[in-house]
Amino acid sequence: MSKYTITEIAELCNTSPATVSRVLNNPDLVAQPLRERIEKKMKEVGYKPNPFASRLSSKARWGLGLFVFDILNPFFALIVRKISHLAMEQGIPLTVCDTENNEEKERIYLDYLLDNKIGGIIFAEGISLATIERAQMHTQVVLIDRHYEEGIVSEVSSDNYNGGRLATEYLLQLNHRNIGFIGGPKNWPSAEDRHQGYKDALEAHRIPYRSEMVFQGDLCYESGIKAIEYFLTLPEWPTAIFSANDQMAFGALSKAKSLNISIPEDMSLVGFDDIPLNSLYNTKLTTVKQDIPALCENAFSILMQRIHNKSSREDKNRLIIPTKLKIGETCRKLLSQIPSNDRGRNER
């Protein structure tokens, strides 16, 4: 950035700052001899305009914001990396806002972005509705895996419900009937959809839904550890567990290993996301794969359309990206139904 200001350039050229500004922003409005003299002087001293200052003095909007719930969660980290690559390819600066489940942080970040005339914001799941509502009143907004009132904000989501059914159906096909579920935070649409898929798959097979087989987690690694500790207090252990995300599944896997509970010999386990942590474990996780590149590419594309074509602002999209089961090494087929707390003696 140049050490000179517009005012100083104007003094060097014996003209006004407004004229220098016109040379920078509307050169056709300045007479050619004067324009060339100012341009020559700027080149001599190495002057480069401050894009933030020029933007703030105009009505133009510039740059993108990305809000994520927890950047340490590999799922959100992958979203950050993909969106940042997409923005960089088009030369657009991206401000990443890691809110850490804190509405005050959301407010501070949003104030900053709106004050700086942000062009648009992508909200990943976990951000409060109040923040989303306020943002969409002032700028273009697209959601990733975050459902809002139909037709109000554009959103791109994975098929979380079908993914939940796929995972549970797979375990049912392996003859598991005592299936535990590690859920996510309440009022998270993606976690609720996965839970509903679990419930509906059980119902389709005429297996009663039991609330004691559900552990309310928070999508963090530690929840998987606590879930195993909880399930082992039950009179009958689950023979299989479906976790609403991979983070909790890996927590469950580690805790089971520390207790000498074999997965999949003693318990089968299915996760959700397909985050790249398998290299840290000897056992490859069976999981429901989200197409994270497709989520990001579609959200980014919709946002850019909103920014460049204001007439489409009212056409709110809701795009669902398919999920699919990815078979790993954490599930096995039961050949008989023996209480799971007699672990190690199940017939194979």
Protein backbone atom coordinates (compact mmCIF):
# COMPACT_ATOMS: atom_id res chain seq x y z
CA MET A 1 0.00 0.00 0.00
CA SER A 2 1.35 3.47 -0.90
CA LYS A 3 2.46 5.82 1.89
CA TYR A 4 0.80 8.69 0.02
CA THR A 5 -2.82 9.74 0.46
CA ILE A 6 -5.17 11.21 -2.13
CA THR A 7 -4.79 14.60 -0.45
CA GLU A 8 -1.01 14.44 -0.76
CA ILE A 9 -1.21 13.42 -4.41
CA ALA A 10 -3.53 16.38 -4.99
CA GLU A 11 -1.01 18.75 -3.38
CA LEU A 12 1.83 17.38 -5.54
CA CYS A 13 -0.30 17.97 -8.65
CA ASN A 14 -1.63 21.36 -7.49
CA THR A 15 -5.21 20.18 -7.74
CA SER A 16 -8.02 19.03 -5.44
CA PRO A 17 -8.49 15.61 -3.77
CA ALA A 18 -11.87 15.35 -5.54
CA THR A 19 -10.13 15.58 -8.91
CA VAL A 20 -7.66 12.85 -7.96
CA SER A 21 -10.58 10.71 -6.81
CA ARG A 22 -12.30 11.24 -10.17
CA VAL A 23 -9.12 10.15 -11.97
CA LEU A 24 -9.22 6.94 -9.94
CA ASN A 25 -12.94 6.23 -10.21
CA ASN A 26 -14.29 8.16 -13.21
CA PRO A 27 -11.28 9.16 -15.35
CA ASP A 28 -13.43 10.20 -18.33
CA LEU A 29 -14.71 13.13 -16.26
CA VAL A 30 -11.21 14.67 -16.04
CA ALA A 31 -9.59 16.56 -18.93
CA GLN A 32 -6.89 14.47 -20.61
CA PRO A 33 -3.86 16.75 -19.88
CA LEU A 34 -4.71 16.98 -16.18
CA ARG A 35 -5.60 13.29 -15.97
CA GLU A 36 -2.27 12.29 -17.56
CA ARG A 37 -0.37 14.60 -15.20
CA ILE A 38 -2.02 13.08 -12.15
CA GLU A 39 -1.55 9.50 -13.40
CA LYS A 40 2.12 10.21 -14.11
CA LYS A 41 2.67 11.61 -10.61
CA MET A 42 0.92 8.60 -8.99
CA LYS A 43 3.17 6.28 -10.98
CA GLU A 44 6.30 8.22 -9.98
CA VAL A 45 5.58 8.00 -6.26
CA GLY A 46 4.17 4.45 -6.42
CA TYR A 47 0.69 5.43 -5.31
CA LYS A 48 -1.91 2.65 -5.14
CA PRO A 49 -5.49 3.32 -4.03
CA ASN A 50 -6.80 1.82 -0.80
CA PRO A 51 -9.65 -0.50 -1.93
CA PHE A 52 -11.31 -0.37 1.49
CA ALA A 53 -11.36 3.43 1.59
CA SER A 54 -12.66 3.77 -1.96
CA ARG A 55 -15.34 1.18 -1.31
CA LEU A 56 -16.51 2.76 1.93
CA SER A 57 -16.85 6.12 0.20
CA SER A 58 -19.08 4.58 -2.49
CA LYS A 59 -22.28 2.59 -2.59
CA ALA A 60 -20.52 -0.51 -3.91
CA ARG A 61 -20.53 -3.78 -1.98
CA TRP A 62 -17.43 -5.91 -1.93
CA GLY A 63 -16.23 -9.19 -0.45
CA LEU A 64 -17.93 -12.19 1.14
CA GLY A 65 -18.45 -13.44 4.67
CA LEU A 66 -18.64 -17.05 5.88
CA PHE A 67 -20.05 -17.89 9.32
CA VAL A 68 -19.21 -21.29 10.83
CA PHE A 69 -20.19 -22.79 14.17
CA ASP A 70 -16.85 -24.36 15.05
CA ILE A 71 -13.81 -24.13 12.77
CA LEU A 72 -12.09 -26.94 14.72
CA ASN A 73 -14.78 -29.34 13.52
CA PRO A 74 -13.35 -30.95 10.36
CA PHE A 75 -16.70 -30.66 8.55
CA PHE A 76 -16.73 -26.88 8.96
CA ALA A 77 -13.00 -26.67 8.24
CA LEU A 78 -13.62 -28.36 4.88
CA ILE A 79 -16.38 -25.86 4.12
CA VAL A 80 -14.04 -22.97 4.94
CA ARG A 81 -11.31 -24.33 2.71
CA LYS A 82 -13.62 -24.96 -0.25
CA ILE A 83 -15.42 -21.61 -0.05
CA SER A 84 -12.10 -19.77 0.33
CA HIS A 85 -10.77 -21.51 -2.79
CA LEU A 86 -13.89 -20.59 -4.77
CA ALA A 87 -13.65 -16.97 -3.65
CA MET A 88 -9.92 -16.77 -4.39
CA GLU A 89 -10.45 -18.12 -7.91
CA GLN A 90 -12.58 -15.03 -8.58
CA GLY A 91 -10.34 -12.63 -6.70
CA ILE A 92 -12.93 -12.04 -3.98
CA PRO A 93 -11.76 -11.54 -0.36
CA LEU A 94 -13.43 -13.83 2.18
CA THR A 95 -13.90 -13.05 5.87
CA VAL A 96 -14.30 -16.24 7.95
CA CYS A 97 -16.28 -15.78 11.17
CA ASP A 98 -15.81 -18.60 13.70
CA THR A 99 -18.64 -17.96 16.15
CA GLU A 100 -17.96 -20.81 18.64
CA ASN A 101 -21.69 -21.03 19.39
CA ASN A 102 -21.67 -17.49 20.77
CA GLU A 103 -24.40 -15.06 19.68
CA GLU A 104 -22.43 -12.06 20.90
CA LYS A 105 -19.60 -13.05 18.54
CA GLU A 106 -22.16 -13.39 15.76
CA ARG A 107 -23.37 -9.85 16.42
CA ILE A 108 -19.85 -8.38 16.46
CA TYR A 109 -18.89 -10.15 13.23
CA LEU A 110 -22.11 -9.15 11.51
CA ASP A 111 -21.77 -5.51 12.59
CA TYR A 112 -18.26 -5.44 11.12
CA LEU A 113 -19.32 -7.01 7.83
CA LEU A 114 -22.37 -4.78 7.38
CA ASP A 115 -20.38 -1.66 8.29
CA ASN A 116 -17.90 -2.65 5.58
CA LYS A 117 -20.66 -3.14 3.00
CA ILE A 118 -20.12 -6.88 2.55
CA GLY A 119 -21.42 -8.21 -0.77
CA GLY A 120 -22.94 -11.39 0.65
CA ILE A 121 -22.75 -13.92 3.48
CA ILE A 122 -22.85 -17.72 3.61
CA PHE A 123 -24.08 -19.15 6.91
CA ALA A 124 -23.22 -22.75 7.77
CA GLU A 125 -25.36 -24.56 10.32
CA GLY A 126 -25.25 -23.56 13.97
CA ILE A 127 -25.73 -19.82 13.48
CA SER A 128 -28.71 -18.26 15.27
CA LEU A 129 -31.85 -17.39 13.35
CA ALA A 130 -31.72 -13.84 14.75
CA THR A 131 -28.35 -13.28 13.07
CA ILE A 132 -29.56 -14.72 9.78
CA GLU A 133 -32.74 -12.63 9.86
CA ARG A 134 -30.80 -9.44 10.47
CA ALA A 135 -28.24 -10.20 7.77
CA GLN A 136 -30.78 -10.96 5.07
CA MET A 137 -32.37 -7.54 5.61
CA HIS A 138 -29.13 -5.81 4.56
CA THR A 139 -27.22 -8.09 2.19
CA GLN A 140 -27.43 -11.27 0.12
CA VAL A 141 -27.57 -14.49 2.18
CA VAL A 142 -27.28 -18.22 1.42
CA LEU A 143 -27.41 -21.06 3.97
CA ILE A 144 -25.49 -24.35 4.04
CA ASP A 145 -27.18 -27.21 5.94
CA ARG A 146 -29.26 -24.61 7.78
CA HIS A 147 -33.00 -24.54 7.22
CA TYR A 148 -34.99 -21.35 7.56
CA GLU A 149 -38.57 -20.44 6.77
CA GLU A 150 -39.41 -21.74 3.31
CA GLY A 151 -38.96 -19.18 0.56
CA ILE A 152 -37.22 -16.58 2.73
CA VAL A 153 -33.52 -17.42 2.30
CA SER A 154 -31.79 -19.61 -0.28
CA GLU A 155 -30.30 -22.78 1.18
CA VAL A 156 -28.22 -25.74 0.10
CA SER A 157 -28.47 -28.83 2.29
CA SER A 158 -27.45 -32.46 2.25
CA ASP A 159 -30.22 -35.05 2.21
CA ASN A 160 -29.84 -35.58 5.94
CA TYR A 161 -33.11 -37.42 6.38
CA ASN A 162 -32.34 -40.01 3.72
CA GLY A 163 -28.80 -40.32 5.06
CA GLY A 164 -30.21 -41.15 8.49
CA ARG A 165 -32.47 -43.79 6.97
CA LEU A 166 -29.63 -45.25 4.90
CA ALA A 167 -27.42 -45.67 7.97
CA THR A 168 -30.17 -47.25 10.06
CA GLU A 169 -31.43 -49.46 7.24
CA TYR A 170 -27.91 -50.77 6.74
CA LEU A 171 -27.63 -51.77 10.39
CA LEU A 172 -31.07 -53.39 10.23
CA GLN A 173 -29.96 -55.37 7.18
CA LEU A 174 -27.08 -56.63 9.31
CA ASN A 175 -29.70 -58.03 11.75
CA HIS A 176 -29.18 -55.35 14.41
CA ARG A 177 -32.35 -54.52 16.30
CA ASN A 178 -30.94 -52.81 19.38
CA ILE A 179 -29.55 -49.71 17.67
CA GLY A 180 -28.39 -46.68 19.65
CA PHE A 181 -28.36 -43.16 18.24
CA ILE A 182 -25.99 -40.31 19.15
CA GLY A 183 -27.81 -37.12 18.26
CA GLY A 184 -26.81 -33.52 17.73
CA PRO A 185 -27.94 -30.28 19.40
CA LYS A 186 -31.65 -29.60 19.65
CA ASN A 187 -33.12 -27.35 16.98
CA TRP A 188 -30.37 -28.19 14.49
CA PRO A 189 -32.30 -29.14 11.32
CA SER A 190 -29.60 -31.47 9.96
CA ALA A 191 -29.31 -33.41 13.23
CA GLU A 192 -33.09 -33.54 13.61
CA ASP A 193 -33.48 -34.86 10.04
CA ARG A 194 -30.91 -37.60 10.69
CA HIS A 195 -32.74 -38.50 13.90
CA GLN A 196 -36.05 -38.64 12.02
CA GLY A 197 -34.51 -40.90 9.41
CA TYR A 198 -33.35 -43.21 12.20
CA LYS A 199 -36.82 -43.27 13.76
CA ASP A 200 -38.64 -43.89 10.47
CA ALA A 201 -36.32 -46.74 9.51
CA LEU A 202 -37.03 -48.45 12.82
CA GLU A 203 -40.76 -47.93 12.36
CA ALA A 204 -40.63 -49.35 8.83
CA HIS A 205 -39.21 -52.55 10.32
CA ARG A 206 -41.76 -52.54 13.16
CA ILE A 207 -39.09 -51.97 15.77
CA PRO A 208 -40.23 -49.78 18.67
CA TYR A 209 -38.45 -46.46 19.09
CA ARG A 210 -36.97 -46.24 22.59
CA SER A 211 -35.87 -42.88 23.95
CA GLU A 212 -33.34 -44.52 26.26
CA MET A 213 -31.43 -45.63 23.14
CA VAL A 214 -30.83 -42.01 22.17
CA PHE A 215 -27.98 -39.94 23.60
CA GLN A 216 -28.21 -36.17 23.07
CA GLY A 217 -24.78 -35.02 21.90
CA ASP A 218 -23.36 -31.75 20.60
CA LEU A 219 -21.51 -32.99 17.48
CA CYS A 220 -18.15 -32.78 19.28
CA TYR A 221 -15.65 -35.61 19.82
CA GLU A 222 -16.28 -35.65 23.58
CA SER A 223 -19.97 -36.44 23.01
CA GLY A 224 -19.01 -39.76 21.46
CA ILE A 225 -17.01 -40.62 24.58
CA LYS A 226 -19.91 -39.71 26.85
CA ALA A 227 -22.35 -41.63 24.65
CA ILE A 228 -20.43 -44.88 25.09
CA GLU A 229 -20.29 -44.29 28.84
CA TYR A 230 -24.06 -43.77 28.83
CA PHE A 231 -24.93 -46.77 26.67
CA LEU A 232 -22.89 -49.04 28.91
CA THR A 233 -25.12 -48.12 31.86
CA LEU A 234 -28.16 -49.61 30.12
CA PRO A 235 -29.38 -53.10 31.13
CA GLU A 236 -28.94 -54.14 27.51
CA TRP A 237 -26.19 -52.58 25.47
CA PRO A 238 -26.83 -51.60 21.86
CA THR A 239 -25.33 -53.99 19.34
CA ALA A 240 -24.92 -51.06 16.94
CA ILE A 241 -24.71 -47.27 17.13
CA PHE A 242 -25.54 -44.64 14.54
CA SER A 243 -23.82 -41.33 15.25
CA ALA A 244 -25.17 -38.07 13.78
CA ASN A 245 -21.65 -37.08 12.76
CA ASP A 246 -18.17 -38.54 12.38
CA GLN A 247 -16.65 -36.46 15.18
CA MET A 248 -18.83 -38.18 17.76
CA ALA A 249 -18.37 -41.53 16.04
CA PHE A 250 -14.59 -41.25 16.38
CA GLY A 251 -15.03 -40.29 20.03
CA ALA A 252 -17.14 -43.43 20.52
CA LEU A 253 -14.56 -45.52 18.67
CA SER A 254 -11.73 -44.29 20.88
CA LYS A 255 -13.68 -44.78 24.11
CA ALA A 256 -14.73 -48.27 23.13
CA LYS A 257 -11.12 -49.15 22.37
CA SER A 258 -9.98 -47.86 25.76
CA LEU A 259 -12.55 -50.15 27.41
CA ASN A 260 -11.46 -53.14 25.32
CA ILE A 261 -14.78 -53.15 23.48
CA SER A 262 -14.14 -54.23 19.92
CA ILE A 263 -15.72 -52.39 17.02
CA PRO A 264 -17.18 -54.10 15.07
CA GLU A 265 -16.93 -57.40 16.94
CA ASP A 266 -18.81 -56.20 20.01
CA MET A 267 -20.57 -53.16 18.58
CA SER A 268 -21.13 -51.88 15.06
CA LEU A 269 -20.76 -48.17 14.39
CA VAL A 270 -21.88 -45.80 11.62
CA GLY A 271 -21.03 -42.11 11.37
CA PHE A 272 -22.15 -39.23 9.17
CA ASP A 273 -20.08 -36.74 7.08
CA ASP A 274 -17.07 -38.72 5.77
CA ILE A 275 -14.48 -36.36 7.21
CA PRO A 276 -10.82 -37.26 6.52
CA LEU A 277 -9.83 -38.65 9.92
CA ASN A 278 -9.68 -42.33 9.02
CA SER A 279 -5.89 -42.12 8.73
CA LEU A 280 -5.70 -41.56 12.49
CA TYR A 281 -7.42 -44.88 13.23
CA ASN A 282 -6.66 -48.47 12.34
CA THR A 283 -10.35 -49.11 11.66
CA LYS A 284 -11.99 -47.38 8.69
CA LEU A 285 -15.32 -45.86 9.68
CA THR A 286 -18.55 -46.79 7.92
CA THR A 287 -20.32 -43.48 7.36
CA VAL A 288 -22.85 -41.49 5.37
CA LYS A 289 -20.96 -39.32 2.92
CA GLN A 290 -21.89 -35.69 2.45
CA ASP A 291 -20.81 -34.11 -0.84
CA ILE A 292 -19.10 -31.11 0.72
CA PRO A 293 -17.70 -29.74 -2.58
CA ALA A 294 -21.20 -29.79 -4.08
CA LEU A 295 -22.65 -28.05 -1.01
CA CYS A 296 -20.09 -25.27 -1.24
CA GLU A 297 -20.08 -24.90 -5.02
CA ASN A 298 -23.85 -24.58 -5.18
CA ALA A 299 -24.05 -22.18 -2.24
CA PHE A 300 -21.29 -20.03 -3.72
CA SER A 301 -22.91 -20.04 -7.16
CA ILE A 302 -26.31 -19.02 -5.80
CA LEU A 303 -24.76 -16.23 -3.75
CA MET A 304 -22.85 -14.85 -6.74
CA GLN A 305 -26.06 -14.89 -8.79
CA ARG A 306 -27.79 -12.94 -6.03
CA ILE A 307 -24.99 -10.38 -5.93
CA HIS A 308 -24.77 -9.86 -9.69
CA ASN A 309 -28.46 -10.10 -10.53
CA LYS A 310 -30.61 -8.28 -8.01
CA SER A 311 -33.76 -9.15 -9.95
CA SER A 312 -33.40 -12.78 -8.83
CA ARG A 313 -33.32 -11.84 -5.15
CA GLU A 314 -36.89 -12.99 -4.61
CA ASP A 315 -36.34 -16.38 -6.24
CA LYS A 316 -35.34 -18.34 -3.17
CA ASN A 317 -33.80 -21.73 -3.89
CA ARG A 318 -33.80 -24.82 -1.72
CA LEU A 319 -31.36 -27.34 -3.13
CA ILE A 320 -30.92 -30.81 -1.62
CA ILE A 321 -27.63 -32.63 -2.28
CA PRO A 322 -27.83 -36.47 -2.19
CA THR A 323 -26.00 -38.44 0.50
CA LYS A 324 -24.72 -42.01 0.18
CA LEU A 325 -23.54 -44.77 2.47
CA LYS A 326 -19.81 -45.44 2.45
CA ILE A 327 -18.98 -48.92 3.74
CA GLY A 328 -15.95 -49.17 6.00
CA GLU A 329 -14.83 -51.65 8.64
CA THR A 330 -16.93 -50.73 11.67
CA CYS A 331 -20.00 -52.91 11.09
CA ARG A 332 -20.62 -56.65 11.11
CA LYS A 333 -23.62 -58.85 10.55
CA LEU A 334 -25.26 -60.52 13.54
CA LEU A 335 -26.16 -64.14 13.01
CA SER A 336 -28.13 -64.33 16.25
CA GLN A 337 -29.60 -61.97 18.80
CA ILE A 338 -27.64 -62.40 22.01
CA PRO A 339 -27.70 -59.61 24.62
CA SER A 340 -24.91 -57.20 23.81
CA ASN A 341 -23.66 -57.07 27.39
CA ASP A 342 -22.53 -60.65 26.79
CA ARG A 343 -20.02 -59.10 24.42
CA GLY A 344 -17.49 -61.28 22.77
CA ARG A 345 -19.87 -64.25 22.81
CA ASN A 346 -22.13 -63.15 19.96
CA GLU A 347 -22.28 -65.79 17.29
CA ARG A 348 -20.47 -64.69 14.13
